[in-house]
C-alpha atoms as a PDB file:
ATOM      1  CA  MET A   1      -0.014  -0.098   0.064  1.00  0.00           C
ATOM      2  CA  ASN A   2       1.119   3.578  -0.779  1.00  0.00           C
ATOM      3  CA  ILE A   3       2.663   5.312   1.958  1.00  0.00           C
ATOM      4  CA  LYS A   4       0.421   8.343   1.628  1.00  0.00           C
ATOM      5  CA  MET A   5      -2.410   6.243   1.963  1.00  0.00           C
ATOM      6  CA  ILE A   6      -1.122   4.528   4.875  1.00  0.00           C
ATOM      7  CA  LYS A   7      -0.740   8.025   6.702  1.00  0.00           C
ATOM      8  CA  LEU A   8      -4.167   9.014   5.513  1.00  0.00           C
ATOM      9  CA  LEU A   9      -5.408   5.974   7.147  1.00  0.00           C
ATOM     10  CA  ASN A  10      -3.856   6.530  10.408  1.00  0.00           C
ATOM     11  CA  GLN A  11      -5.113  10.025  10.604  1.00  0.00           C
ATOM     12  CA  ARG A  12      -8.621   8.661  10.171  1.00  0.00           C
ATOM     13  CA  ASP A  13      -8.244   6.409  13.095  1.00  0.00           C
ATOM     14  CA  VAL A  14      -6.871   9.214  15.493  1.00  0.00           C
ATOM     15  CA  ILE A  15      -9.935  11.299  14.011  1.00  0.00           C
ATOM     16  CA  ASP A  16     -12.647   8.255  14.755  1.00  0.00           C
ATOM     17  CA  ASP A  17     -11.040   7.632  18.239  1.00  0.00           C
ATOM     18  CA  LYS A  18     -11.527  11.432  19.187  1.00  0.00           C
ATOM     19  CA  ILE A  19     -14.889  11.475  17.976  1.00  0.00           C
ATOM     20  CA  LYS A  20     -15.876   8.008  20.027  1.00  0.00           C
ATOM     21  CA  SER A  21     -14.251   9.645  22.960  1.00  0.00           C
ATOM     22  CA  PHE A  22     -16.231  12.918  22.365  1.00  0.00           C
ATOM     23  CA  GLN A  23     -19.440  10.642  22.022  1.00  0.00           C
ATOM     24  CA  ARG A  24     -18.982   9.025  25.507  1.00  0.00           C
ATOM     25  CA  GLU A  25     -18.477  11.828  27.274  1.00  0.00           C
ATOM     26  CA  CYS A  26     -21.643  13.737  25.787  1.00  0.00           C
ATOM     27  CA  PRO A  27     -24.565  13.948  27.915  1.00  0.00           C
ATOM     28  CA  HIS A  28     -26.877  13.465  24.914  1.00  0.00           C
ATOM     29  CA  LYS A  29     -29.341  16.054  26.217  1.00  0.00           C
ATOM     30  CA  ASP A  30     -30.646  17.200  22.872  1.00  0.00           C
ATOM     31  CA  LYS A  31     -31.506  14.337  21.068  1.00  0.00           C
ATOM     32  CA  THR A  32     -34.243  13.122  18.863  1.00  0.00           C
ATOM     33  CA  SER A  33     -36.281   9.776  19.097  1.00  0.00           C
ATOM     34  CA  ILE A  34     -37.917   8.147  16.197  1.00  0.00           C
ATOM     35  CA  PRO A  35     -40.297   5.361  16.442  1.00  0.00           C
ATOM     36  CA  LYS A  36     -39.565   2.718  14.391  1.00  0.00           C
ATOM     37  CA  SER A  37     -41.003  -0.879  13.652  1.00  0.00           C
ATOM     38  CA  ASP A  38     -40.822  -4.135  11.785  1.00  0.00           C
ATOM     39  CA  THR A  39     -44.414  -5.652  11.864  1.00  0.00           C
ATOM     40  CA  GLY A  40     -46.097  -7.818   9.860  1.00  0.00           C
ATOM     41  CA  ASN A  41     -43.854 -10.808   9.955  1.00  0.00           C
ATOM     42  CA  TRP A  42     -45.053 -14.197   9.344  1.00  0.00           C
ATOM     43  CA  SER A  43     -44.935 -14.999  13.093  1.00  0.00           C
ATOM     44  CA  ILE A  44     -46.214 -12.341  15.501  1.00  0.00           C
ATOM     45  CA  SER A  45     -43.206 -13.031  17.682  1.00  0.00           C
ATOM     46  CA  ASP A  46     -40.804 -11.870  15.189  1.00  0.00           C
ATOM     47  CA  ASP A  47     -42.536  -8.202  15.277  1.00  0.00           C
ATOM     48  CA  ARG A  48     -40.343  -5.318  16.945  1.00  0.00           C
ATOM     49  CA  TRP A  49     -40.809  -1.853  17.859  1.00  0.00           C
ATOM     50  CA  TRP A  50     -37.886   0.453  19.143  1.00  0.00           C
ATOM     51  CA  TYR A  51     -36.731   3.969  18.913  1.00  0.00           C
ATOM     52  CA  GLU A  52     -33.960   5.208  16.948  1.00  0.00           C
ATOM     53  CA  VAL A  53     -32.304   7.784  18.782  1.00  0.00           C
ATOM     54  CA  ILE A  54     -29.791  10.707  17.432  1.00  0.00           C
ATOM     55  CA  CYS A  55     -27.967  12.835  19.643  1.00  0.00           C
ATOM     56  CA  ASN A  56     -28.039  16.284  17.761  1.00  0.00           C
ATOM     57  CA  ASP A  57     -24.872  17.419  19.662  1.00  0.00           C
ATOM     58  CA  CYS A  58     -22.415  14.744  18.882  1.00  0.00           C
ATOM     59  CA  GLY A  59     -24.077  12.741  16.292  1.00  0.00           C
ATOM     60  CA  LYS A  60     -24.378   9.291  18.225  1.00  0.00           C
ATOM     61  CA  GLN A  61     -26.862   7.364  16.921  1.00  0.00           C
ATOM     62  CA  TRP A  62     -28.447   3.928  18.995  1.00  0.00           C
ATOM     63  CA  ASN A  63     -31.763   2.035  19.125  1.00  0.00           C
ATOM     64  CA  ILE A  64     -33.521   1.849  22.208  1.00  0.00           C
ATOM     65  CA  ASP A  65     -36.655  -1.186  22.419  1.00  0.00           C
ATOM     66  CA  GLN A  66     -39.837  -0.071  23.238  1.00  0.00           C
END
């Protein structure tokens, strides 16, 4: 692999680590919760409901089961 590409990938890794650290420390006070579902499956036990949560401060996204 090209040396320039290796340096760029290493820089991206450093930035990704800083973003993850910032997201861990964020209190997620300004967040949006979007209700989602997967229903109508052959077996009703496979139906699922959850909230897709997005922090507007740090950009972290996660799901919470309903």
